Protein backbone atom coordinates (compact mmCIF):
# COMPACT_ATOMS: atom_id res chain seq x y z
CA UNK A 1 21.89 15.24 -24.16
CA UNK A 2 17.79 14.48 -23.57
CA UNK A 3 17.11 14.45 -20.31
CA UNK A 4 15.88 11.06 -18.36
CA UNK A 5 11.96 10.76 -18.26
CA UNK A 6 12.60 9.86 -14.96
CA UNK A 7 13.60 13.45 -13.65
CA UNK A 8 10.82 15.41 -15.70
CA UNK A 9 7.67 16.60 -13.72
CA UNK A 10 4.52 15.22 -13.76
CA UNK A 11 0.74 17.30 -13.56
CA UNK A 12 -1.62 15.52 -12.39
CA UNK A 13 -5.39 16.00 -13.05
CA UNK A 14 -6.08 18.04 -10.19
CA UNK A 15 -3.51 20.63 -10.96
CA UNK A 16 -0.91 19.12 -8.40
CA UNK A 17 2.62 18.39 -9.80
CA UNK A 18 5.03 15.55 -8.81
CA UNK A 19 8.67 16.59 -9.06
CA UNK A 20 9.48 13.77 -10.51
CA UNK A 21 8.18 10.26 -11.57
CA UNK A 22 9.38 8.47 -8.43
CA UNK A 23 7.18 7.55 -5.61
CA UNK A 24 8.14 5.84 -2.45
CA UNK A 25 5.59 3.33 -2.65
CA UNK A 26 3.53 2.00 0.91
CA UNK A 27 5.03 -0.45 2.89
CA UNK A 28 3.53 -1.26 6.41
CA UNK A 29 5.78 0.39 9.05
CA UNK A 30 4.67 -1.30 11.99
CA UNK A 31 5.91 1.40 14.01
CA UNK A 32 2.74 3.66 15.62
CA UNK A 33 3.12 5.27 19.08
CA UNK A 34 0.81 3.71 22.00
CA UNK A 35 -2.18 4.47 20.92
CA UNK A 36 -2.06 3.76 17.29
CA UNK A 37 -0.62 7.84 16.50
CA UNK A 38 2.95 8.56 14.54
CA UNK A 39 5.89 9.39 16.92
CA UNK A 40 9.51 10.35 16.26
CA UNK A 41 10.21 6.84 15.16
CA UNK A 42 7.88 7.67 12.14
CA UNK A 43 8.70 11.30 11.86
CA UNK A 44 12.35 10.28 11.69
CA UNK A 45 11.94 7.69 8.72
CA UNK A 46 9.85 9.71 6.76
CA UNK A 47 12.30 12.68 6.57
CA UNK A 48 15.17 10.55 6.00
CA UNK A 49 12.80 9.49 2.90
CA UNK A 50 12.18 12.96 2.09
CA UNK A 51 15.88 13.44 1.94
CA UNK A 52 16.01 10.53 -0.75
CA UNK A 53 14.96 12.80 -3.72
CA UNK A 54 11.39 11.05 -4.41
CA UNK A 55 8.68 13.10 -5.71
CA UNK A 56 5.54 11.42 -3.76
CA UNK A 57 6.03 9.45 -0.66
CA UNK A 58 2.92 7.14 0.44
CA UNK A 59 2.35 6.13 3.91
CA UNK A 60 1.70 2.84 4.97
CA UNK A 61 -1.45 1.41 6.22
CA UNK A 62 -3.45 4.11 8.13
CA UNK A 63 -6.34 2.33 9.44
CA UNK A 64 -9.87 4.03 9.50
CA UNK A 65 -11.04 2.29 12.59
CA UNK A 66 -9.11 1.17 16.01
CA UNK A 67 -10.90 -2.05 16.03
CA UNK A 68 -9.53 -3.40 12.58
CA UNK A 69 -5.93 -3.34 12.22
CA UNK A 70 -3.45 -4.76 9.67
CA UNK A 71 -1.16 -5.31 12.56
CA UNK A 72 -0.71 -4.21 16.11
CA UNK A 73 1.72 -1.37 15.27
CA UNK A 74 -0.80 0.32 12.66
CA UNK A 75 -1.54 4.00 12.76
CA UNK A 76 -5.30 4.78 13.07
CA UNK A 77 -6.90 7.96 12.07
CA UNK A 78 -10.56 8.50 12.64
CA UNK A 79 -12.98 11.40 13.59
CA UNK A 80 -11.74 11.49 17.50
CA UNK A 81 -7.94 11.34 17.11
CA UNK A 82 -5.53 14.59 17.82
CA UNK A 83 -4.45 15.64 15.00
CA UNK A 84 -1.45 16.51 15.97
CA UNK A 85 0.86 13.92 15.66
CA UNK A 86 -0.37 13.49 12.19
CA UNK A 87 0.13 17.13 11.83
CA UNK A 88 4.26 16.59 12.86
CA UNK A 89 4.23 13.66 10.37
CA UNK A 90 3.09 15.33 7.50
CA UNK A 91 5.37 18.37 8.00
CA UNK A 92 8.38 15.57 8.29
CA UNK A 93 7.08 14.28 4.76
CA UNK A 94 6.80 17.29 2.77
CA UNK A 95 9.95 18.75 4.46
CA UNK A 96 12.29 18.82 1.07
CA UNK A 97 9.06 19.61 -1.30
CA UNK A 98 7.67 15.81 -2.08
CA UNK A 99 3.99 15.40 -2.07
CA UNK A 100 2.90 13.49 0.96
CA UNK A 101 0.04 11.16 0.62
CA UNK A 102 -1.63 9.12 3.40
CA UNK A 103 -2.71 5.45 2.07
CA UNK A 104 -6.13 4.65 4.14
CA UNK A 105 -7.22 0.89 4.51
CA UNK A 106 -9.51 -1.41 6.45
CA UNK A 107 -7.92 -5.05 6.80
CA UNK A 108 -11.59 -6.77 6.47
CA UNK A 109 -10.61 -10.67 7.21
CA UNK A 110 -6.75 -9.87 6.89
CA UNK A 111 -6.52 -8.98 10.59
CA UNK A 112 -4.51 -11.13 13.63
CA UNK A 113 -6.74 -13.00 15.80
CA UNK A 114 -4.08 -12.28 18.74
CA UNK A 115 -5.49 -8.69 18.77
CA UNK A 116 -8.68 -9.86 20.04
CA UNK A 117 -11.35 -8.14 17.22
CA UNK A 118 -13.97 -9.69 15.18
CA UNK A 119 -13.21 -9.76 11.40
CA UNK A 120 -15.69 -8.80 8.99
CA UNK A 121 -15.83 -8.73 5.27
CA UNK A 122 -17.77 -9.05 2.12
CA UNK A 123 -18.67 -12.70 2.89
CA UNK A 124 -17.77 -15.13 5.44
CA UNK A 125 -14.57 -16.37 3.72
CA UNK A 126 -11.94 -17.28 5.96
CA UNK A 127 -8.32 -16.76 4.90
CA UNK A 128 -6.82 -19.72 3.65
CA UNK A 129 -2.91 -19.83 3.57
CA UNK A 130 -1.65 -23.26 4.81
CA UNK A 131 0.01 -23.56 7.95
CA UNK A 132 -0.89 -19.97 8.59
CA UNK A 133 -4.60 -20.17 8.43
CA UNK A 134 -5.27 -20.04 12.75
CA UNK A 135 -3.68 -16.73 12.75
CA UNK A 136 -6.55 -15.42 11.23
CA UNK A 137 -10.27 -15.38 12.28
CA UNK A 138 -13.07 -16.54 10.37
CA UNK A 139 -14.93 -13.54 9.42
CA UNK A 140 -18.63 -12.37 9.14
CA UNK A 141 -20.39 -10.87 6.55
CA UNK A 142 -20.83 -7.08 6.74
CA UNK A 143 -24.34 -5.97 6.42
CA UNK A 144 -25.53 -3.20 4.30
CA UNK A 145 -25.91 -0.50 6.94
CA UNK A 146 -22.35 -1.52 8.14
CA UNK A 147 -20.78 -1.09 4.61
CA UNK A 148 -22.33 2.32 4.71
CA UNK A 149 -21.08 3.56 7.90
CA UNK A 150 -17.37 2.21 6.43
CA UNK A 151 -17.82 4.41 3.54
CA UNK A 152 -17.83 7.36 5.71
CA UNK A 153 -15.26 6.12 7.79
CA UNK A 154 -12.90 5.94 5.03
CA UNK A 155 -14.22 9.79 3.78
CA UNK A 156 -13.47 11.12 7.71
CA UNK A 157 -10.08 9.43 7.76
CA UNK A 158 -9.50 10.99 4.33
CA UNK A 159 -10.71 14.64 5.86
CA UNK A 160 -8.59 14.68 8.44
CA UNK A 161 -5.62 13.79 6.61
CA UNK A 162 -6.26 16.86 4.59
CA UNK A 163 -6.67 18.99 7.83
CA UNK A 164 -3.22 17.33 9.19
CA UNK A 165 -1.56 18.95 6.11
CA UNK A 166 -1.07 15.64 3.65
CA UNK A 167 -1.28 16.55 0.12
CA UNK A 168 -3.41 13.41 -0.46
CA UNK A 169 -4.64 9.81 0.08
CA UNK A 170 -4.51 6.80 -1.26
CA UNK A 171 -7.25 4.60 -1.03
CA UNK A 172 -6.00 0.83 -0.76
CA UNK A 173 -7.91 -1.61 -2.97
CA UNK A 174 -5.10 -4.01 -3.43
CA UNK A 175 -3.17 -7.10 -1.73
CA UNK A 176 -6.39 -8.99 -0.47
CA UNK A 177 -7.37 -6.27 2.28
CA UNK A 178 -11.34 -5.23 2.60
CA UNK A 179 -12.01 -3.19 -0.78
CA UNK A 180 -9.67 -5.83 -2.46
CA UNK A 181 -12.09 -8.66 -0.58
CA UNK A 182 -15.64 -6.58 -2.45
CA UNK A 183 -13.96 -6.75 -5.66
CA UNK A 184 -13.03 -10.89 -5.93
CA UNK A 185 -15.58 -13.27 -6.53
CA UNK A 186 -13.65 -15.51 -4.59
CA UNK A 187 -14.43 -13.22 -1.25
CA UNK A 188 -17.40 -12.06 -2.15
CA UNK A 189 -20.16 -14.34 -2.28
CA UNK A 190 -23.13 -11.94 -1.77
CA UNK A 191 -26.52 -11.67 -3.59
CA UNK A 192 -27.05 -8.00 -2.99
CA UNK A 193 -26.07 -5.04 -4.56
CA UNK A 194 -22.50 -5.39 -3.35
CA UNK A 195 -22.23 -8.53 -4.87
CA UNK A 196 -22.80 -10.85 -7.96
CA UNK A 197 -21.41 -9.05 -11.09
CA UNK A 198 -18.37 -6.88 -11.43
CA UNK A 199 -20.35 -3.68 -11.33
CA UNK A 200 -21.45 -4.45 -7.86
CA UNK A 201 -18.52 -6.25 -6.24
CA UNK A 202 -16.90 -2.44 -7.08
CA UNK A 203 -19.67 -0.55 -5.83
CA UNK A 204 -18.37 -0.61 -2.46
CA UNK A 205 -14.79 1.16 -3.70
CA UNK A 206 -16.69 3.54 -6.11
CA UNK A 207 -18.78 4.73 -2.88
CA UNK A 208 -15.70 4.92 -0.92
CA UNK A 209 -13.93 7.03 -3.68
CA UNK A 210 -17.32 9.11 -4.32
CA UNK A 211 -17.63 9.84 -0.38
CA UNK A 212 -13.87 10.84 -0.28
CA UNK A 213 -13.64 13.35 -3.07
CA UNK A 214 -16.92 14.92 -1.74
CA UNK A 215 -15.07 15.73 1.90
CA UNK A 216 -11.85 16.78 0.29
CA UNK A 217 -10.92 20.06 -1.29
CA UNK A 218 -10.36 19.88 -5.03
CA UNK A 219 -6.68 20.32 -4.83
CA UNK A 220 -6.45 17.43 -2.38
CA UNK A 221 -4.97 14.17 -4.60
CA UNK A 222 -7.29 11.14 -4.01
CA UNK A 223 -5.71 7.99 -5.64
CA UNK A 224 -6.26 4.60 -5.81
CA UNK A 225 -4.40 1.47 -5.41
CA UNK A 226 -5.57 -1.60 -6.89
CA UNK A 227 -4.39 -5.20 -7.95
CA UNK A 228 -3.62 -6.08 -11.63
CA UNK A 229 -4.72 -9.40 -10.85
CA UNK A 230 -5.02 -11.54 -7.39
CA UNK A 231 -3.13 -14.40 -8.89
CA UNK A 232 -5.44 -16.99 -7.77
CA UNK A 233 -7.83 -18.92 -10.09
CA UNK A 234 -11.19 -18.00 -10.11
CA UNK A 235 -10.31 -14.27 -8.68
CA UNK A 236 -9.99 -10.59 -10.06
CA UNK A 237 -8.28 -11.01 -12.90
CA UNK A 238 -6.62 -8.95 -15.47
CA UNK A 239 -9.93 -7.95 -17.22
CA UNK A 240 -11.67 -7.07 -13.88
CA UNK A 241 -8.97 -4.76 -13.04
CA UNK A 242 -8.89 -2.59 -16.81
CA UNK A 243 -12.70 -2.36 -16.40
CA UNK A 244 -12.58 -1.08 -12.68
CA UNK A 245 -9.51 1.61 -14.12
CA UNK A 246 -11.85 2.58 -16.91
CA UNK A 247 -14.58 3.31 -14.79
CA UNK A 248 -12.18 5.50 -12.43
CA UNK A 249 -11.38 7.44 -15.45
CA UNK A 250 -14.74 8.85 -14.65
CA UNK A 251 -14.55 10.07 -11.14
CA UNK A 252 -11.87 12.52 -10.37
CA UNK A 253 -9.12 10.00 -9.49
CA UNK A 254 -5.21 11.93 -9.72
CA UNK A 255 -3.64 8.49 -10.20
CA UNK A 256 -3.97 4.66 -10.25
CA UNK A 257 -1.15 2.44 -8.66
CA UNK A 258 -1.47 -1.13 -10.33
CA UNK A 259 0.05 -3.99 -7.88
CA UNK A 260 -0.90 -7.53 -7.43
CA UNK A 261 -1.89 -10.60 -5.43
CA UNK A 262 -2.59 -10.65 -1.30
CA UNK A 263 -1.78 -12.65 1.89
CA UNK A 264 -2.76 -15.62 -0.07
CA UNK A 265 -0.78 -15.23 -2.85
CA UNK A 266 1.93 -12.80 -2.51
CA UNK A 267 2.48 -11.58 -5.77
CA UNK A 268 3.68 -8.34 -4.83
CA UNK A 269 6.50 -10.29 -3.31
CA UNK A 270 7.30 -11.29 -7.00
CA UNK A 271 5.65 -15.09 -6.17
CA UNK A 272 2.49 -16.38 -7.02
CA UNK A 273 0.92 -19.30 -5.02
CA UNK A 274 3.13 -21.90 -5.47
CA UNK A 275 6.38 -19.98 -5.19
CA UNK A 276 6.72 -19.68 -9.05
CA UNK A 277 8.40 -15.96 -9.94
CA UNK A 278 5.55 -13.85 -11.19
CA UNK A 279 8.05 -12.47 -13.25
CA UNK A 280 11.81 -13.20 -14.86
CA UNK A 281 12.96 -9.68 -14.35
CA UNK A 282 12.29 -6.55 -11.65
CA UNK A 283 9.17 -4.41 -12.53
CA UNK A 284 6.59 -7.88 -12.07
CA UNK A 285 3.54 -5.61 -13.10
CA UNK A 286 4.48 -3.33 -15.71
CA UNK A 287 2.92 -5.11 -19.04
CA UNK A 288 -0.49 -4.63 -17.79
CA UNK A 289 0.45 -1.09 -16.43
CA UNK A 290 1.39 0.02 -19.82
CA UNK A 291 -2.00 -1.66 -21.62
CA UNK A 292 -4.14 0.28 -18.82
CA UNK A 293 -2.20 3.54 -19.48
CA UNK A 294 -3.18 3.32 -23.27
CA UNK A 295 -6.61 4.24 -22.42
CA UNK A 296 -6.69 5.69 -18.71
CA UNK A 297 -7.00 9.41 -18.60
CA UNK A 298 -5.41 9.62 -15.24
CA UNK A 299 -1.95 8.67 -14.98
CA UNK A 300 -0.79 5.45 -13.98
CA UNK A 301 1.64 4.10 -11.20
CA UNK A 302 3.58 0.60 -10.82
CA UNK A 303 5.07 -0.60 -8.05
CA UNK A 304 6.62 -4.00 -7.66
CA UNK A 305 10.40 -4.97 -7.65
CA UNK A 306 12.10 -2.31 -9.07
CA UNK A 307 15.45 -1.83 -8.50
CA UNK A 308 17.68 -0.50 -10.73
CA UNK A 309 17.99 2.90 -13.18
CA UNK A 310 17.87 0.62 -16.09
CA UNK A 311 14.74 -1.63 -15.48
CA UNK A 312 13.29 2.09 -14.22
CA UNK A 313 14.23 3.27 -17.65
CA UNK A 314 12.92 0.77 -19.73
CA UNK A 315 9.41 0.06 -17.24
CA UNK A 316 8.87 4.11 -17.89
CA UNK A 317 9.28 4.28 -21.71
CA UNK A 318 6.56 3.43 -23.85
CA UNK A 319 6.77 0.99 -26.63
CA UNK A 320 3.03 0.70 -28.24
CA UNK A 321 3.20 4.88 -29.60
CA UNK A 322 0.69 5.96 -27.44
CA UNK A 323 0.87 6.85 -23.59
CA UNK A 324 2.86 4.94 -21.10
CA UNK A 325 3.35 4.08 -17.73
CA UNK A 326 3.91 7.55 -15.68
CA UNK A 327 5.15 6.91 -12.34
CA UNK A 328 7.11 4.28 -10.31
CA UNK A 329 6.88 3.20 -7.29
CA UNK A 330 9.79 1.58 -4.76
CA UNK A 331 9.09 0.23 -1.95
CA UNK A 332 12.01 -2.46 -0.45
CA UNK A 333 14.11 -0.56 -2.83
CA UNK A 334 14.20 2.63 -0.80
CA UNK A 335 14.28 0.15 2.45
CA UNK A 336 17.70 -0.89 1.53
CA UNK A 337 18.69 2.35 -0.03
CA UNK A 338 16.50 5.25 1.52
CA UNK A 339 19.01 7.63 -1.14
CA UNK A 340 18.34 5.31 -4.17
CA UNK A 341 16.39 7.81 -5.93
CA UNK A 342 19.06 10.62 -5.55
CA UNK A 343 22.04 8.35 -6.59
CA UNK A 344 20.18 7.43 -9.81
CA UNK A 345 19.84 11.16 -10.69
CA UNK A 346 23.38 11.97 -9.83
CA UNK A 347 24.73 8.08 -11.99
CA UNK A 348 25.72 6.34 -9.06
CA UNK A 349 25.14 3.43 -7.24
CA UNK A 350 22.70 2.12 -10.14
CA UNK A 351 21.20 -0.92 -8.59
CA UNK A 352 20.38 -1.75 -5.18
CA UNK A 353 21.31 -4.88 -4.01
CA UNK A 354 18.00 -6.32 -2.10
CA UNK A 355 19.19 -9.93 -0.15
CA UNK A 356 16.77 -12.86 -1.19
CA UNK A 357 15.97 -15.59 0.76
CA UNK A 358 15.64 -18.82 -0.96
CA UNK A 359 14.05 -21.05 1.44
CA UNK A 360 12.01 -24.51 0.06
CA UNK A 361 8.65 -22.85 1.37
CA UNK A 362 8.47 -20.13 -0.79
CA UNK A 363 5.62 -18.68 1.23
CA UNK A 364 7.91 -18.85 4.25
CA UNK A 365 10.80 -17.35 2.35
CA UNK A 366 8.21 -14.28 1.21
CA UNK A 367 7.46 -13.52 4.65
CA UNK A 368 10.98 -13.51 5.86
CA UNK A 369 12.40 -11.30 2.83
CA UNK A 370 9.64 -8.68 4.16
CA UNK A 371 10.69 -9.15 7.55
CA UNK A 372 14.01 -7.96 6.51
CA UNK A 373 12.58 -5.01 4.93
CA UNK A 374 11.21 -4.06 8.29
CA UNK A 375 14.25 -4.82 9.85
CA UNK A 376 15.82 -1.56 7.82
CA UNK A 377 12.60 0.54 8.37
CA UNK A 378 13.39 0.16 12.13
CA UNK A 379 16.83 1.03 11.90
CA UNK A 380 15.90 4.65 9.52
CA UNK A 381 13.74 4.82 12.34
CA UNK A 382 16.09 5.47 15.33
CA UNK A 383 18.45 6.88 12.46
CA UNK A 384 21.04 4.37 11.73
CA UNK A 385 21.98 3.00 8.06
CA UNK A 386 20.30 0.20 6.43
CA UNK A 387 21.79 -3.00 7.53
CA UNK A 388 21.82 -5.78 4.56
CA UNK A 389 23.18 -8.66 6.02
CA UNK A 390 21.20 -10.50 8.99
CA UNK A 391 19.76 -14.08 9.17
CA UNK A 392 16.38 -13.95 8.22
CA UNK A 393 15.45 -16.64 10.93
CA UNK A 394 16.86 -14.66 13.80
CA UNK A 395 14.70 -11.31 12.02
CA UNK A 396 11.93 -13.74 11.88
CA UNK A 397 12.11 -14.91 15.74
CA UNK A 398 12.85 -10.95 16.47
CA UNK A 399 9.35 -9.97 14.61
CA UNK A 400 7.39 -12.57 16.63
CA UNK A 401 8.75 -11.21 19.64
CA UNK A 402 8.19 -7.75 18.83
CA UNK A 403 4.04 -8.54 17.31
CA UNK A 404 3.25 -10.41 20.73
CA UNK A 405 5.08 -7.17 22.50
CA UNK A 406 3.04 -4.81 20.42
CA UNK A 407 -0.03 -6.72 20.32
CA UNK A 408 0.00 -6.64 24.42
CA UNK A 409 0.23 -2.92 24.25
CA UNK A 410 -2.58 -2.43 21.51
CA UNK A 411 -5.20 -4.94 23.77
CA UNK A 412 -3.75 -2.54 26.65
CA UNK A 413 -4.99 0.43 24.61
CA UNK A 414 -8.15 -0.78 23.55
CA UNK A 415 -9.58 -1.71 27.24
CA UNK A 416 -8.71 1.58 28.22
CA UNK A 417 -6.33 1.15 30.64
CA UNK A 418 -2.98 3.28 31.61
C-alpha cells in the first residue's frame, strides 16, 4: 500500500527536515507570565502539542518590542530579555523531535488602546470594525528612522530565538499586523520609499527578511506568513501575494505559509467582511496555495479550517501535474484535539469536531469561536483535556475579565512596579 504523503518527510531548502507534512500553526496563546515571558503554562501546552505528532510547531505571536503587543499576555523577546525561560520553552517544543519555530511580530495599529501604548503603522489609518473601533487607538505614521529601527528589532528577536534553542522563526506578514499594514494599499498611504508601488510597500518585509537572515545561521529556518489576500476591496489581493511569493523565492526563505484576512475581515476564521463563508468546505486558502506552489522554489504551507484527514489528503494532493502544497497547518483542530495528527496516522478519529457559533452577528460569532479555542489552550496549559462544550457568551465574558486582569499586570510591569 502506498504510504500517505501526509506522513512523509520534507526537506527544506536549508537542509532541515520536517518529519511529516503537518504543522501546528500559530495561535495567540495569551499565556505569558508576568514580565511577558514564557512560564509553566506555555511549557505544559507545548509539551502536550509535542506529543501530538506534528513535524513542526509554530508559536503564537512573540513580540519584538514591549510597547507593541497584540494582547496583554503576549510574550516579548528583545535584546535585554533573560533568555532562560525561552530555552525552557524551546526544550518543551522540541522534546519529541519536532521542529520548533518562533513566530515574530509587531501588531502596528492592531494594539488595544487599554494597554496605554502609542499605536504606530505605515500611515495614520485607524482600525475600522463596527462597534469595536474604539478598542484601538488611532496610529501615527512611522518615520523612516523608526522603520529601520524596527527592522533591526525583528533581526534581534530572531537572533535571540536561535540562541534560546528554537530551530527557526516565522516572520508574520499576514492578518493585518504591521508588515501586512505596509503591504496593503488601504493602510499604506505613504509616498516615500516605503509606499506607493507594490515594490515599495513590500520593502519593509524584504528588509526584515534580509536583516533576519544576516543575523542567524544557515541551518536556522526563516519562514514568512503571508496573506493570500486581505479580503477587503482595494486591499492586498492574490495578484499582489503571488508577486511577493515570487520575490521571496530569491531571498533564502525556507517556507511560506499562506493564510488570509485581518481583524477587519476575519477570513482566517472562514468568514469575510459580510459574514459569508470564504469557502464551502475546509481548507479555505488551498486553491491559491496550489497556484503559488507551481512556481515557488520554496515549500508552500497552507492553513485554514482543516479538520478531517480526507480533506487533508485532498489539500496536499496535486491536480495540475506540478508541485503541490507541501505542509498543512492545523490550528483550532489542535486546540480541540491535540492528538489529531497521531490519531490520523493511526487511522482513528478521522475528523475533529469543532463547535461553531452561529450568531446573527457573524463578526462576533467569529470572535466567540476564537475565544472558545483560547479556553482549550488554557485547559491544555494546566494539564487538562479539552472541553468541547461551554457557552460562547460565558466564554466571552470570562475572556473580558481575564483580559482586564492581564492588562493591569502588563501596565504594572511597564511602569516598573513590583
